Amino acid sequence: MSAEATEEQLKVMNELEGSDITIGEYLKKAWPQFYDELTDEQKERVSRWKKGWPKDPVHIEENQINWHSQNITSYTTALNINLKWKNPLSNLSLNVYSPEGRSFGPFYDNFDGHTNGQIYFFIRKEGGLQMGEWWYAVEGEEINETQKYFF
């Protein structure tokens, strides 16, 4: 399926950018015709997933640790973090910390079996994830020069 946004849809998308909403809320407002075609099960699923937004790249050097956070303020059953960097010869690691202090990681580039400059972390909990501040630590394990990365 492909679609081309109208001027009105582009305006709505720009207004929504960065807001704390679910994918379902985003689709209802920005792509209502697509949302209407979803099954009830799909609508329920996308109404639980938080909408992520692209961020500007961050720089990291070898042995440096950068901290990032995401505040989960409403009920959601899943969280995904997609850490990417340009040079797959650089080694970055990712640790994730829940609001109650539980630690996940460290995860490395080859966590998914591929060395491709990407770490994809996904957690799902049927009863809902802990609300509050989730922290991510990105560490520059082996980097020849400053490395850009983004989520």
N, C-alpha and C. Protein backbone atom coordinates (compact mmCIF):
# COMPACT_ATOMS: atom_id res chain seq x y z
N MET A 1 0.84 -1.17 0.00
CA MET A 1 0.00 0.00 0.00
C MET A 1 0.89 1.24 0.00
N SER A 2 0.52 2.21 -0.76
CA SER A 2 1.23 3.47 -0.74
C SER A 2 0.22 4.60 -0.76
N ALA A 3 0.64 5.74 -0.28
CA ALA A 3 -0.25 6.89 -0.24
C ALA A 3 0.57 8.15 -0.36
N GLU A 4 -0.07 9.18 -0.86
CA GLU A 4 0.58 10.48 -0.95
C GLU A 4 -0.21 11.44 -0.08
N ALA A 5 0.49 12.14 0.81
CA ALA A 5 -0.18 13.03 1.74
C ALA A 5 -0.67 14.29 1.04
N THR A 6 -1.86 14.72 1.43
CA THR A 6 -2.39 15.99 0.94
C THR A 6 -1.76 17.13 1.75
N GLU A 7 -1.97 18.36 1.30
CA GLU A 7 -1.47 19.52 2.05
C GLU A 7 -2.06 19.54 3.46
N GLU A 8 -3.33 19.22 3.58
CA GLU A 8 -3.99 19.20 4.89
C GLU A 8 -3.36 18.12 5.79
N GLN A 9 -3.10 16.95 5.24
CA GLN A 9 -2.47 15.89 6.03
C GLN A 9 -1.07 16.30 6.47
N LEU A 10 -0.31 16.94 5.59
CA LEU A 10 1.03 17.40 5.97
C LEU A 10 0.95 18.41 7.11
N LYS A 11 -0.05 19.27 7.07
CA LYS A 11 -0.25 20.24 8.15
C LYS A 11 -0.53 19.51 9.46
N VAL A 12 -1.41 18.52 9.43
CA VAL A 12 -1.74 17.74 10.62
C VAL A 12 -0.51 17.01 11.14
N MET A 13 0.27 16.39 10.24
CA MET A 13 1.48 15.67 10.65
C MET A 13 2.46 16.60 11.34
N ASN A 14 2.63 17.80 10.78
CA ASN A 14 3.54 18.77 11.40
C ASN A 14 3.05 19.20 12.77
N GLU A 15 1.75 19.35 12.93
CA GLU A 15 1.18 19.73 14.23
C GLU A 15 1.36 18.61 15.26
N LEU A 16 1.27 17.37 14.81
CA LEU A 16 1.38 16.23 15.73
C LEU A 16 2.81 15.87 16.09
N GLU A 17 3.78 16.26 15.26
CA GLU A 17 5.16 15.82 15.46
C GLU A 17 5.65 16.13 16.87
N GLY A 18 6.20 15.09 17.50
CA GLY A 18 6.76 15.21 18.84
C GLY A 18 5.76 15.02 19.96
N SER A 19 4.47 14.93 19.65
CA SER A 19 3.48 14.79 20.71
C SER A 19 3.46 13.37 21.26
N ASP A 20 3.00 13.26 22.50
CA ASP A 20 2.94 11.98 23.21
C ASP A 20 1.61 11.31 22.88
N ILE A 21 1.58 10.56 21.76
CA ILE A 21 0.36 9.91 21.31
C ILE A 21 0.67 8.48 20.89
N THR A 22 -0.38 7.70 20.68
CA THR A 22 -0.21 6.35 20.17
C THR A 22 -0.22 6.38 18.64
N ILE A 23 0.20 5.28 18.06
CA ILE A 23 0.15 5.17 16.60
C ILE A 23 -1.30 5.24 16.13
N GLY A 24 -2.21 4.64 16.90
CA GLY A 24 -3.63 4.70 16.55
C GLY A 24 -4.15 6.13 16.49
N GLU A 25 -3.81 6.93 17.51
CA GLU A 25 -4.24 8.33 17.51
C GLU A 25 -3.66 9.08 16.32
N TYR A 26 -2.39 8.79 16.01
CA TYR A 26 -1.73 9.44 14.87
C TYR A 26 -2.45 9.08 13.56
N LEU A 27 -2.73 7.78 13.37
CA LEU A 27 -3.39 7.35 12.13
C LEU A 27 -4.79 7.96 12.00
N LYS A 28 -5.54 8.02 13.10
CA LYS A 28 -6.88 8.60 13.07
C LYS A 28 -6.85 10.04 12.56
N LYS A 29 -5.84 10.79 13.01
CA LYS A 29 -5.77 12.21 12.67
C LYS A 29 -5.09 12.48 11.33
N ALA A 30 -3.98 11.77 11.06
CA ALA A 30 -3.19 12.06 9.86
C ALA A 30 -3.60 11.22 8.65
N TRP A 31 -4.01 10.00 8.89
CA TRP A 31 -4.36 9.08 7.80
C TRP A 31 -5.69 8.38 8.11
N PRO A 32 -6.79 9.13 8.24
CA PRO A 32 -8.06 8.51 8.64
C PRO A 32 -8.55 7.44 7.66
N GLN A 33 -8.30 7.63 6.37
CA GLN A 33 -8.76 6.63 5.39
C GLN A 33 -8.02 5.30 5.59
N PHE A 34 -6.75 5.35 5.97
CA PHE A 34 -5.99 4.13 6.25
C PHE A 34 -6.47 3.50 7.55
N TYR A 35 -6.68 4.32 8.59
CA TYR A 35 -7.15 3.82 9.88
C TYR A 35 -8.49 3.10 9.72
N ASP A 36 -9.39 3.66 8.92
CA ASP A 36 -10.72 3.07 8.72
C ASP A 36 -10.65 1.68 8.08
N GLU A 37 -9.58 1.40 7.34
CA GLU A 37 -9.43 0.10 6.68
C GLU A 37 -8.87 -0.98 7.61
N LEU A 38 -8.39 -0.60 8.80
CA LEU A 38 -7.83 -1.58 9.73
C LEU A 38 -8.94 -2.42 10.34
N THR A 39 -8.61 -3.66 10.69
CA THR A 39 -9.56 -4.51 11.41
C THR A 39 -9.65 -4.00 12.85
N ASP A 40 -10.68 -4.45 13.58
CA ASP A 40 -10.82 -4.05 14.98
C ASP A 40 -9.60 -4.49 15.80
N GLU A 41 -9.08 -5.68 15.51
CA GLU A 41 -7.89 -6.17 16.22
C GLU A 41 -6.68 -5.27 15.94
N GLN A 42 -6.50 -4.88 14.68
CA GLN A 42 -5.39 -3.99 14.33
C GLN A 42 -5.55 -2.63 15.00
N LYS A 43 -6.78 -2.11 15.03
CA LYS A 43 -7.03 -0.82 15.68
C LYS A 43 -6.70 -0.90 17.17
N GLU A 44 -7.08 -2.00 17.80
CA GLU A 44 -6.76 -2.15 19.23
C GLU A 44 -5.25 -2.20 19.44
N ARG A 45 -4.57 -2.92 18.58
CA ARG A 45 -3.11 -3.05 18.71
C ARG A 45 -2.41 -1.70 18.54
N VAL A 46 -2.73 -0.96 17.48
CA VAL A 46 -2.04 0.32 17.25
C VAL A 46 -2.43 1.37 18.28
N SER A 47 -3.55 1.17 18.96
CA SER A 47 -3.94 2.12 20.01
C SER A 47 -3.12 1.92 21.28
N ARG A 48 -2.36 0.82 21.36
CA ARG A 48 -1.50 0.57 22.53
C ARG A 48 -0.05 0.96 22.27
N TRP A 49 0.34 1.17 21.03
CA TRP A 49 1.74 1.44 20.69
C TRP A 49 2.00 2.93 20.67
N LYS A 50 3.06 3.35 21.35
CA LYS A 50 3.46 4.74 21.36
C LYS A 50 4.06 5.12 20.00
N LYS A 51 3.74 6.31 19.54
CA LYS A 51 4.30 6.83 18.29
C LYS A 51 5.69 7.37 18.58
N GLY A 52 6.67 6.88 17.84
CA GLY A 52 8.04 7.37 17.97
C GLY A 52 8.30 8.45 16.93
N TRP A 53 9.23 9.32 17.22
CA TRP A 53 9.56 10.42 16.32
C TRP A 53 11.05 10.41 16.04
N PRO A 54 11.46 10.73 14.80
CA PRO A 54 12.89 10.80 14.50
C PRO A 54 13.56 11.89 15.33
N LYS A 55 14.78 11.64 15.68
CA LYS A 55 15.55 12.61 16.46
C LYS A 55 16.81 12.96 15.70
N ASP A 56 17.35 14.12 16.02
CA ASP A 56 18.62 14.53 15.43
C ASP A 56 19.71 13.59 15.90
N PRO A 57 20.74 13.36 15.08
CA PRO A 57 21.81 12.46 15.50
C PRO A 57 22.58 13.02 16.69
N VAL A 58 23.11 12.11 17.49
CA VAL A 58 23.92 12.43 18.65
C VAL A 58 25.32 11.93 18.35
N HIS A 59 26.33 12.56 18.92
CA HIS A 59 27.71 12.15 18.70
C HIS A 59 28.24 11.41 19.94
N ILE A 60 29.10 10.43 19.70
CA ILE A 60 29.71 9.68 20.80
C ILE A 60 31.14 9.33 20.41
N GLU A 61 31.99 9.25 21.42
CA GLU A 61 33.38 8.86 21.22
C GLU A 61 33.66 7.59 22.01
N GLU A 62 34.81 6.99 21.76
CA GLU A 62 35.17 5.74 22.44
C GLU A 62 35.17 5.94 23.96
N ASN A 63 34.59 4.97 24.66
CA ASN A 63 34.48 4.93 26.13
C ASN A 63 33.55 5.99 26.71
N GLN A 64 32.85 6.72 25.87
CA GLN A 64 31.88 7.71 26.34
C GLN A 64 30.53 7.02 26.53
N ILE A 65 29.77 7.47 27.53
CA ILE A 65 28.41 6.98 27.75
C ILE A 65 27.46 8.17 27.65
N ASN A 66 26.46 8.04 26.79
CA ASN A 66 25.41 9.06 26.66
C ASN A 66 24.11 8.49 27.20
N TRP A 67 23.41 9.29 27.99
CA TRP A 67 22.15 8.87 28.59
C TRP A 67 20.98 9.54 27.86
N HIS A 68 19.93 8.75 27.65
CA HIS A 68 18.70 9.23 27.01
C HIS A 68 17.54 8.67 27.84
N SER A 69 16.39 9.30 27.75
CA SER A 69 15.24 8.77 28.49
C SER A 69 13.95 8.97 27.71
N GLN A 70 12.98 8.19 28.12
CA GLN A 70 11.63 8.30 27.56
C GLN A 70 10.67 8.14 28.73
N ASN A 71 9.76 9.09 28.88
CA ASN A 71 8.81 9.04 29.97
C ASN A 71 7.51 8.41 29.47
N ILE A 72 7.18 7.26 30.01
CA ILE A 72 5.92 6.59 29.66
C ILE A 72 4.87 7.09 30.64
N THR A 73 3.92 7.87 30.11
CA THR A 73 2.94 8.53 30.97
C THR A 73 1.55 7.94 30.87
N SER A 74 1.36 7.01 29.95
CA SER A 74 0.05 6.38 29.81
C SER A 74 0.24 4.89 29.52
N TYR A 75 -0.84 4.16 29.65
CA TYR A 75 -0.79 2.71 29.48
C TYR A 75 -0.27 2.33 28.10
N THR A 76 0.74 1.47 28.08
CA THR A 76 1.24 0.90 26.83
C THR A 76 1.79 -0.49 27.13
N THR A 77 1.69 -1.39 26.18
CA THR A 77 2.15 -2.77 26.41
C THR A 77 3.49 -3.06 25.74
N ALA A 78 4.04 -2.10 24.99
CA ALA A 78 5.29 -2.38 24.27
C ALA A 78 6.16 -1.13 24.21
N LEU A 79 7.46 -1.39 24.16
CA LEU A 79 8.45 -0.33 24.00
C LEU A 79 9.50 -0.84 23.05
N ASN A 80 9.83 -0.05 22.04
CA ASN A 80 10.93 -0.45 21.17
C ASN A 80 11.91 0.70 21.04
N ILE A 81 13.17 0.32 20.99
CA ILE A 81 14.26 1.27 20.83
C ILE A 81 15.07 0.78 19.64
N ASN A 82 15.23 1.63 18.65
CA ASN A 82 15.96 1.26 17.45
C ASN A 82 17.17 2.19 17.32
N LEU A 83 18.31 1.74 17.82
CA LEU A 83 19.54 2.53 17.81
C LEU A 83 20.30 2.22 16.52
N LYS A 84 20.64 3.28 15.77
CA LYS A 84 21.34 3.09 14.49
C LYS A 84 22.54 4.02 14.41
N TRP A 85 23.60 3.56 13.75
CA TRP A 85 24.75 4.41 13.47
C TRP A 85 25.30 4.05 12.11
N LYS A 86 26.06 4.99 11.52
CA LYS A 86 26.46 4.86 10.12
C LYS A 86 27.56 3.83 9.90
N ASN A 87 28.61 3.84 10.71
CA ASN A 87 29.78 2.98 10.48
C ASN A 87 29.65 1.68 11.26
N PRO A 88 29.32 0.55 10.61
CA PRO A 88 29.16 -0.71 11.34
C PRO A 88 30.47 -1.23 11.93
N LEU A 89 31.61 -0.61 11.59
CA LEU A 89 32.87 -1.00 12.21
C LEU A 89 33.00 -0.42 13.61
N SER A 90 32.21 0.61 13.92
CA SER A 90 32.15 1.13 15.28
C SER A 90 31.28 0.20 16.11
N ASN A 91 31.67 0.01 17.36
CA ASN A 91 30.90 -0.85 18.26
C ASN A 91 30.27 -0.01 19.36
N LEU A 92 28.95 0.03 19.36
CA LEU A 92 28.19 0.70 20.41
C LEU A 92 27.43 -0.36 21.20
N SER A 93 27.11 -0.05 22.44
CA SER A 93 26.28 -0.95 23.23
C SER A 93 25.10 -0.16 23.80
N LEU A 94 24.06 -0.89 24.17
CA LEU A 94 22.84 -0.29 24.70
C LEU A 94 22.43 -1.02 25.96
N ASN A 95 22.19 -0.26 27.03
CA ASN A 95 21.59 -0.77 28.26
C ASN A 95 20.29 0.00 28.47
N VAL A 96 19.24 -0.70 28.91
CA VAL A 96 17.94 -0.09 29.15
C VAL A 96 17.57 -0.31 30.61
N TYR A 97 17.03 0.73 31.25
CA TYR A 97 16.67 0.66 32.67
C TYR A 97 15.21 1.09 32.83
N SER A 98 14.43 0.23 33.49
CA SER A 98 13.02 0.53 33.71
C SER A 98 12.88 1.49 34.90
N PRO A 99 11.70 2.10 35.08
CA PRO A 99 11.50 3.03 36.20
C PRO A 99 11.73 2.38 37.57
N GLU A 100 11.47 1.07 37.68
CA GLU A 100 11.68 0.41 38.97
C GLU A 100 13.11 -0.09 39.14
N GLY A 101 13.98 0.20 38.16
CA GLY A 101 15.39 -0.13 38.30
C GLY A 101 15.83 -1.43 37.66
N ARG A 102 14.95 -2.10 36.95
CA ARG A 102 15.35 -3.33 36.27
C ARG A 102 16.24 -3.00 35.08
N SER A 103 17.29 -3.81 34.89
CA SER A 103 18.26 -3.56 33.83
C SER A 103 18.10 -4.59 32.71
N PHE A 104 18.17 -4.12 31.47
CA PHE A 104 18.14 -4.97 30.28
C PHE A 104 19.40 -4.67 29.48
N GLY A 105 20.19 -5.68 29.23
CA GLY A 105 21.41 -5.48 28.45
C GLY A 105 22.65 -5.83 29.24
N PRO A 106 23.79 -5.55 28.70
CA PRO A 106 24.02 -4.74 27.51
C PRO A 106 23.71 -5.51 26.23
N PHE A 107 23.27 -4.77 25.21
CA PHE A 107 23.03 -5.31 23.89
C PHE A 107 24.06 -4.73 22.93
N TYR A 108 24.48 -5.54 21.98
CA TYR A 108 25.50 -5.14 21.02
C TYR A 108 24.94 -5.29 19.60
N ASP A 109 25.68 -4.77 18.64
CA ASP A 109 25.27 -4.77 17.24
C ASP A 109 24.86 -6.16 16.75
N ASN A 110 25.59 -7.18 17.13
CA ASN A 110 25.30 -8.53 16.63
C ASN A 110 24.24 -9.25 17.46
N PHE A 111 23.53 -8.53 18.33
CA PHE A 111 22.48 -9.10 19.16
C PHE A 111 21.43 -9.84 18.32
N ASP A 112 21.14 -9.31 17.14
CA ASP A 112 20.14 -9.92 16.25
C ASP A 112 20.77 -10.85 15.21
N GLY A 113 22.07 -11.14 15.36
CA GLY A 113 22.75 -12.02 14.42
C GLY A 113 23.36 -11.31 13.23
N HIS A 114 23.19 -9.99 13.16
CA HIS A 114 23.73 -9.20 12.04
C HIS A 114 24.60 -8.07 12.58
N THR A 115 25.72 -7.84 11.94
CA THR A 115 26.56 -6.69 12.27
C THR A 115 26.29 -5.64 11.20
N ASN A 116 25.41 -4.68 11.56
CA ASN A 116 24.93 -3.72 10.56
C ASN A 116 24.77 -2.30 11.09
N GLY A 117 25.38 -1.99 12.23
CA GLY A 117 25.26 -0.65 12.77
C GLY A 117 23.88 -0.37 13.34
N GLN A 118 23.28 -1.39 13.96
CA GLN A 118 21.93 -1.22 14.50
C GLN A 118 21.71 -2.17 15.67
N ILE A 119 21.08 -1.65 16.72
CA ILE A 119 20.62 -2.47 17.84
C ILE A 119 19.13 -2.20 17.98
N TYR A 120 18.34 -3.25 17.85
CA TYR A 120 16.89 -3.12 17.99
C TYR A 120 16.48 -3.83 19.27
N PHE A 121 15.91 -3.07 20.22
CA PHE A 121 15.45 -3.60 21.49
C PHE A 121 13.93 -3.49 21.53
N PHE A 122 13.26 -4.57 21.93
CA PHE A 122 11.81 -4.59 22.00
C PHE A 122 11.41 -5.31 23.27
N ILE A 123 10.52 -4.71 24.04
CA ILE A 123 9.98 -5.36 25.23
C ILE A 123 8.47 -5.23 25.19
N ARG A 124 7.81 -6.32 25.59
CA ARG A 124 6.34 -6.34 25.58
C ARG A 124 5.88 -6.95 26.89
N LYS A 125 4.85 -6.36 27.49
CA LYS A 125 4.27 -6.89 28.72
C LYS A 125 2.76 -6.72 28.62
N GLU A 126 2.05 -7.83 28.58
CA GLU A 126 0.60 -7.80 28.36
C GLU A 126 -0.13 -6.92 29.37
N GLY A 127 0.28 -6.93 30.62
CA GLY A 127 -0.40 -6.13 31.64
C GLY A 127 -0.03 -4.66 31.60
N GLY A 128 0.86 -4.30 30.70
CA GLY A 128 1.29 -2.91 30.59
C GLY A 128 2.67 -2.70 31.18
N LEU A 129 3.45 -1.87 30.55
CA LEU A 129 4.79 -1.55 31.04
C LEU A 129 4.70 -0.58 32.22
N GLN A 130 5.73 -0.61 33.04
CA GLN A 130 5.83 0.31 34.17
C GLN A 130 5.83 1.75 33.65
N MET A 131 4.94 2.57 34.19
CA MET A 131 4.92 3.98 33.80
C MET A 131 6.05 4.70 34.53
N GLY A 132 6.56 5.72 33.90
CA GLY A 132 7.65 6.51 34.48
C GLY A 132 8.79 6.64 33.49
N GLU A 133 9.94 7.08 33.99
CA GLU A 133 11.10 7.37 33.14
C GLU A 133 11.89 6.09 32.86
N TRP A 134 12.01 5.74 31.59
CA TRP A 134 12.85 4.64 31.12
C TRP A 134 14.15 5.27 30.62
N TRP A 135 15.28 4.75 31.07
CA TRP A 135 16.59 5.31 30.71
C TRP A 135 17.34 4.37 29.79
N TYR A 136 18.08 4.95 28.83
CA TYR A 136 18.91 4.18 27.90
C TYR A 136 20.33 4.73 28.02
N ALA A 137 21.29 3.83 28.15
CA ALA A 137 22.70 4.22 28.15
C ALA A 137 23.33 3.68 26.87
N VAL A 138 23.87 4.58 26.06
CA VAL A 138 24.58 4.21 24.83
C VAL A 138 26.06 4.41 25.12
N GLU A 139 26.84 3.35 24.92
CA GLU A 139 28.28 3.44 25.18
C GLU A 139 29.07 3.22 23.90
N GLY A 140 30.06 4.06 23.70
CA GLY A 140 30.98 3.91 22.58
C GLY A 140 32.06 2.90 22.95
N GLU A 141 31.86 1.65 22.58
CA GLU A 141 32.79 0.58 22.96
C GLU A 141 34.11 0.69 22.20
N GLU A 142 34.04 0.66 20.89
CA GLU A 142 35.22 0.77 20.02
C GLU A 142 34.87 1.70 18.86
N ILE A 143 35.49 2.88 18.86
CA ILE A 143 35.20 3.88 17.84
C ILE A 143 36.52 4.52 17.43
N ASN A 144 36.79 4.57 16.13
CA ASN A 144 38.03 5.17 15.64
C ASN A 144 37.97 6.69 15.66
N GLU A 145 36.81 7.24 15.45
CA GLU A 145 36.61 8.69 15.47
C GLU A 145 35.22 8.92 16.00
N THR A 146 34.82 10.16 16.13
CA THR A 146 33.48 10.46 16.63
C THR A 146 32.43 9.79 15.74
N GLN A 147 31.45 9.15 16.38
CA GLN A 147 30.41 8.42 15.67
C GLN A 147 29.06 9.10 15.90
N LYS A 148 28.30 9.32 14.83
CA LYS A 148 26.93 9.82 14.95
C LYS A 148 26.00 8.62 15.11
N TYR A 149 24.96 8.80 15.93
CA TYR A 149 23.93 7.77 16.04
C TYR A 149 22.59 8.46 16.27
N PHE A 150 21.52 7.70 16.09
CA PHE A 150 20.18 8.22 16.32
C PHE A 150 19.25 7.07 16.66
N PHE A 151 18.09 7.42 17.18
CA PHE A 151 17.06 6.43 17.52
C PHE A 151 15.94 6.51 16.51
